[in-house]
Amino acid sequence: MNNREKIDFITKWINDYVSDMQTQAKTLIVGVSGGIDSALTSTICALTGLKTIAVRMPIITASPITSINHCNWLLKKFNNVEICEIELTKTFEMFSNITKKERFESELGFANSKSRLRMVTLYQIASSTNGLVVGTGNKVEDFGVGFFTKYGDGGVDISPIADLTKTQVKELAKELGIIDEVLDAEPTDGLWDDERSDEDQLGLSYEKIEEAMINKKSNYRDKYQEIRKKSLHKMKSIPVCIINDDDD
């Protein structure tokens, strides 16, 4: 399947899912960060012909210029796209101040809370527009190393690019003509005040992780397994205590 066929397949998959729902969605809601994954996802959503709402959600820092420029590109290219920016800094600061006062301070916790606050915002928009929240995670992130926030950016209705590797994401983005500054942007989740990159957090680049996923003899395999082990709980179903009344 070539790149254009993959794009068409994903686009049809989204439309088929919407058509098969008992309560048909009217809109697709996508959080746009300025990275290549959300850029590809929002573009494919626009290709469905369904109303697509691309949402920027700055917290503490302003929306990245790549996010703004990608949204402007979407508006020029598609007439079914709406751009929305919801400033969440004051909401997050209120939350963080209250939890700090109660001595529940955690740098990692606050980073994840930013992601969860964005998830809540996307679902509020989806609820008010009869929409679906569309995930932007790729295969390497979602199923390779679990690089997402549980009930944050991992909380979505559908995941159209979750079977694409990072390499494939880039190939499809190029095929669609997504702007160069997005294609060349360093991957970052934007959840930390020091603007650390994804590679800074993971300890390996996506290219090396992808290689280790494919090749069991890769020099990066052990490091990949180490990273993956820490996040396996995110990739599994919630543990349920099963009570078997038949044992009575």
Protein backbone atom coordinates (compact mmCIF):
# COMPACT_ATOMS: atom_id res chain seq x y z
CA MET A 1 0.00 0.00 0.00
CA ASN A 2 1.58 3.30 -1.06
CA ASN A 3 1.33 6.51 0.96
CA ARG A 4 -1.67 7.89 -0.89
CA GLU A 5 -3.50 4.59 -0.46
CA LYS A 6 -2.75 4.65 3.28
CA ILE A 7 -4.17 8.16 3.55
CA ASP A 8 -7.30 7.14 1.66
CA PHE A 9 -7.64 4.01 3.81
CA ILE A 10 -7.48 5.98 7.08
CA THR A 11 -9.86 8.63 5.77
CA LYS A 12 -12.39 5.96 4.77
CA TRP A 13 -11.90 4.19 8.11
CA ILE A 14 -12.89 7.35 9.98
CA ASN A 15 -15.92 7.93 7.77
CA ASP A 16 -17.00 4.29 8.10
CA TYR A 17 -16.69 4.45 11.89
CA VAL A 18 -18.81 7.58 12.04
CA SER A 19 -21.42 6.08 9.70
CA ASP A 20 -21.63 2.89 11.74
CA MET A 21 -22.20 4.66 15.06
CA GLN A 22 -25.73 4.50 16.43
CA THR A 23 -25.47 8.18 17.29
CA GLN A 24 -23.62 9.60 14.32
CA ALA A 25 -20.96 12.18 15.13
CA LYS A 26 -21.12 15.52 13.39
CA THR A 27 -17.64 16.77 14.16
CA LEU A 28 -14.07 15.56 14.70
CA ILE A 29 -12.13 17.23 17.54
CA VAL A 30 -8.33 17.27 17.39
CA GLY A 31 -5.87 18.85 19.79
CA VAL A 32 -3.14 20.51 17.71
CA SER A 33 0.24 20.85 19.40
CA GLY A 34 2.47 21.95 16.55
CA GLY A 35 3.96 18.49 16.16
CA ILE A 36 3.82 16.21 13.15
CA ASP A 37 1.40 13.65 14.65
CA SER A 38 -1.37 16.14 15.39
CA ALA A 39 -0.70 17.90 12.08
CA LEU A 40 -1.18 14.67 10.13
CA THR A 41 -4.23 13.66 12.16
CA SER A 42 -5.97 17.01 11.79
CA THR A 43 -5.28 17.02 8.04
CA ILE A 44 -6.67 13.53 7.54
CA CYS A 45 -9.72 14.46 9.62
CA ALA A 46 -10.28 17.44 7.32
CA LEU A 47 -10.02 15.12 4.30
CA THR A 48 -13.05 13.17 5.56
CA GLY A 49 -15.29 16.11 4.71
CA LEU A 50 -16.66 16.12 8.26
CA LYS A 51 -16.48 19.32 10.24
CA THR A 52 -13.07 19.29 11.93
CA ILE A 53 -12.29 21.46 14.94
CA ALA A 54 -8.56 21.88 15.52
CA VAL A 55 -7.96 23.06 19.08
CA ARG A 56 -4.90 24.84 20.46
CA MET A 57 -4.71 24.70 24.25
CA PRO A 58 -1.78 26.75 25.60
CA ILE A 59 -0.84 26.30 29.24
CA ILE A 60 1.76 28.68 30.74
CA THR A 61 3.44 29.23 27.37
CA ALA A 62 1.85 30.50 24.16
CA SER A 63 0.83 28.15 21.36
CA PRO A 64 3.93 27.13 19.35
CA ILE A 65 4.29 29.03 16.10
CA THR A 66 4.27 25.69 14.27
CA SER A 67 0.79 25.04 15.67
CA ILE A 68 -0.48 28.45 14.58
CA ASN A 69 1.03 28.16 11.10
CA HIS A 70 -0.33 24.65 10.60
CA CYS A 71 -3.81 25.80 11.59
CA ASN A 72 -3.58 28.71 9.14
CA TRP A 73 -2.52 26.21 6.45
CA LEU A 74 -5.56 24.04 7.27
CA LEU A 75 -7.91 27.02 6.96
CA LYS A 76 -6.53 27.89 3.54
CA LYS A 77 -6.76 24.31 2.31
CA PHE A 78 -10.13 23.16 3.71
CA ASN A 79 -13.51 24.84 4.13
CA ASN A 80 -14.73 22.34 6.75
CA VAL A 81 -12.10 23.28 9.36
CA GLU A 82 -12.66 25.46 12.42
CA ILE A 83 -9.78 26.66 14.58
CA CYS A 84 -10.23 27.21 18.29
CA GLU A 85 -7.79 28.37 20.96
CA ILE A 86 -8.67 27.88 24.61
CA GLU A 87 -6.22 29.38 27.09
CA LEU A 88 -5.88 27.03 30.05
CA THR A 89 -3.14 28.75 32.04
CA LYS A 90 -5.36 30.25 34.74
CA THR A 91 -7.26 27.00 35.18
CA PHE A 92 -4.05 25.03 35.56
CA GLU A 93 -2.50 27.56 37.93
CA MET A 94 -5.57 27.46 40.17
CA PHE A 95 -5.41 23.67 40.26
CA SER A 96 -1.67 23.56 40.92
CA ASN A 97 -1.86 26.20 43.67
CA ILE A 98 -4.61 24.30 45.49
CA THR A 99 -2.79 20.96 45.31
CA LYS A 100 0.51 22.51 46.39
CA LYS A 101 -1.26 24.06 49.38
CA GLU A 102 -2.46 20.59 50.37
CA ARG A 103 1.11 19.27 49.99
CA PHE A 104 0.36 17.20 46.87
CA GLU A 105 3.16 18.64 44.78
CA SER A 106 4.74 16.56 42.00
CA GLU A 107 6.51 17.83 38.89
CA LEU A 108 5.52 14.72 36.93
CA GLY A 109 2.00 14.93 38.29
CA PHE A 110 1.64 18.53 37.13
CA ALA A 111 2.96 17.66 33.67
CA ASN A 112 0.38 14.88 33.37
CA SER A 113 -2.33 17.15 34.76
CA LYS A 114 -1.75 19.54 31.86
CA SER A 115 -2.45 16.69 29.46
CA ARG A 116 -5.56 15.63 31.39
CA LEU A 117 -6.86 19.19 31.47
CA ARG A 118 -6.54 19.30 27.70
CA MET A 119 -8.42 16.00 27.42
CA VAL A 120 -11.28 17.41 29.53
CA THR A 121 -11.38 20.46 27.27
CA LEU A 122 -11.55 18.38 24.09
CA TYR A 123 -14.41 16.30 25.49
CA GLN A 124 -16.30 19.43 26.50
CA ILE A 125 -16.05 20.63 22.90
CA ALA A 126 -17.02 17.19 21.61
CA SER A 127 -20.05 17.06 23.88
CA SER A 128 -21.28 20.46 22.73
CA THR A 129 -20.81 19.68 19.02
CA ASN A 130 -21.83 16.00 18.88
CA GLY A 131 -18.24 15.16 18.14
CA LEU A 132 -15.54 12.55 18.55
CA VAL A 133 -12.19 13.23 20.19
CA VAL A 134 -9.56 12.01 17.76
CA GLY A 135 -6.26 10.67 19.11
CA THR A 136 -2.94 11.74 17.64
CA GLY A 137 -0.64 9.02 19.02
CA ASN A 138 1.43 6.88 16.65
CA LYS A 139 2.44 3.21 16.95
CA VAL A 140 5.83 3.90 18.50
CA GLU A 141 4.35 6.10 21.22
CA ASP A 142 1.11 4.22 21.93
CA PHE A 143 2.26 0.62 21.64
CA GLY A 144 6.04 0.76 21.63
CA VAL A 145 6.97 2.75 24.74
CA GLY A 146 3.62 3.98 26.06
CA PHE A 147 4.68 7.61 25.78
CA PHE A 148 1.36 9.21 26.62
CA THR A 149 -0.54 10.34 29.70
CA LYS A 150 -3.09 7.88 31.01
CA TYR A 151 -6.49 9.61 30.81
CA GLY A 152 -4.76 12.56 29.18
CA ASP A 153 -3.74 12.39 25.52
CA GLY A 154 -4.45 8.66 25.88
CA GLY A 155 -8.13 9.47 26.49
CA VAL A 156 -9.70 9.53 23.03
CA ASP A 157 -12.58 8.05 21.04
CA ILE A 158 -10.65 6.88 17.98
CA SER A 159 -6.95 6.53 17.08
CA PRO A 160 -6.56 6.75 13.30
CA ILE A 161 -2.75 6.88 13.12
CA ALA A 162 -1.92 4.49 15.99
CA ASP A 163 -0.81 1.77 13.57
CA LEU A 164 1.67 4.06 11.82
CA THR A 165 5.32 4.21 12.84
CA LYS A 166 6.96 7.60 13.23
CA THR A 167 8.65 7.08 9.86
CA GLN A 168 5.30 6.41 8.20
CA VAL A 169 3.78 9.47 9.88
CA LYS A 170 6.49 11.62 8.31
CA GLU A 171 6.01 10.01 4.91
CA LEU A 172 2.26 10.62 4.93
CA ALA A 173 2.71 14.18 6.17
CA LYS A 174 5.07 14.90 3.28
CA GLU A 175 2.60 13.31 0.86
CA LEU A 176 -0.09 15.72 2.07
CA GLY A 177 2.17 18.76 1.76
CA ILE A 178 2.16 19.63 5.45
CA ILE A 179 4.41 22.64 6.01
CA ASP A 180 8.15 22.06 6.42
CA GLU A 181 8.45 23.69 9.84
CA VAL A 182 6.10 21.03 11.24
CA LEU A 183 7.96 18.24 9.44
CA ASP A 184 11.26 19.49 10.85
CA ALA A 185 10.07 20.30 14.39
CA GLU A 186 11.75 18.45 17.26
CA PRO A 187 9.19 16.12 18.90
CA THR A 188 8.05 17.38 22.32
CA ASP A 189 4.93 16.87 24.40
CA GLY A 190 5.00 20.49 25.61
CA LEU A 191 4.14 19.54 29.19
CA TRP A 192 7.31 20.74 30.94
CA ASP A 193 8.37 24.27 31.82
CA ASP A 194 11.91 23.62 30.55
CA GLU A 195 10.57 22.53 27.13
CA ARG A 196 12.40 19.22 27.23
CA SER A 197 12.09 17.11 24.07
CA ASP A 198 10.61 13.63 23.80
CA GLU A 199 14.12 12.23 23.33
CA ASP A 200 15.26 14.00 26.52
CA GLN A 201 12.51 12.21 28.42
CA LEU A 202 12.77 8.80 26.79
CA GLY A 203 16.53 8.55 26.43
CA LEU A 204 16.28 7.39 22.82
CA SER A 205 15.17 9.01 19.60
CA TYR A 206 12.04 7.74 17.88
CA GLU A 207 14.21 6.44 15.05
CA LYS A 208 16.19 4.27 17.47
CA ILE A 209 13.06 3.10 19.28
CA GLU A 210 11.45 2.18 15.98
CA GLU A 211 14.54 0.24 14.97
CA ALA A 212 14.52 -1.64 18.29
CA MET A 213 10.83 -2.50 17.88
CA ILE A 214 11.48 -4.05 14.49
CA ASN A 215 14.90 -5.61 15.04
CA LYS A 216 15.34 -7.82 18.11
CA LYS A 217 19.11 -7.72 17.59
CA SER A 218 19.24 -3.94 17.61
CA ASN A 219 21.87 -2.29 19.81
CA TYR A 220 19.03 -0.25 21.31
CA ARG A 221 16.81 -3.23 22.14
CA ASP A 222 17.69 -3.41 25.85
CA LYS A 223 17.14 0.31 26.37
CA TYR A 224 13.85 0.10 24.46
CA GLN A 225 12.67 -2.78 26.66
CA GLU A 226 13.65 -0.82 29.75
CA ILE A 227 11.59 2.20 28.63
CA ARG A 228 8.66 0.02 27.60
CA LYS A 229 8.53 -1.87 30.90
CA LYS A 230 7.90 1.32 32.86
CA SER A 231 4.79 2.12 30.79
CA LEU A 232 3.24 -1.31 30.26
CA HIS A 233 0.49 -0.47 32.75
CA LYS A 234 -0.79 2.17 30.31
CA MET A 235 -1.05 -0.31 27.46
CA LYS A 236 -3.05 -2.91 29.37
CA SER A 237 -6.71 -2.98 30.35
CA ILE A 238 -7.58 -1.78 33.84
CA PRO A 239 -7.23 -4.69 36.29
CA VAL A 240 -10.64 -5.90 37.44
CA CYS A 241 -11.25 -8.01 40.51
CA ILE A 242 -13.49 -10.83 39.26
CA ILE A 243 -15.76 -12.37 41.87
CA ASN A 244 -16.83 -15.88 40.97
CA ASP A 245 -20.08 -16.66 42.80
CA ASP A 246 -19.89 -20.21 41.54
CA ASP A 247 -17.28 -20.94 44.20
CA ASP A 248 -19.88 -20.55 46.97
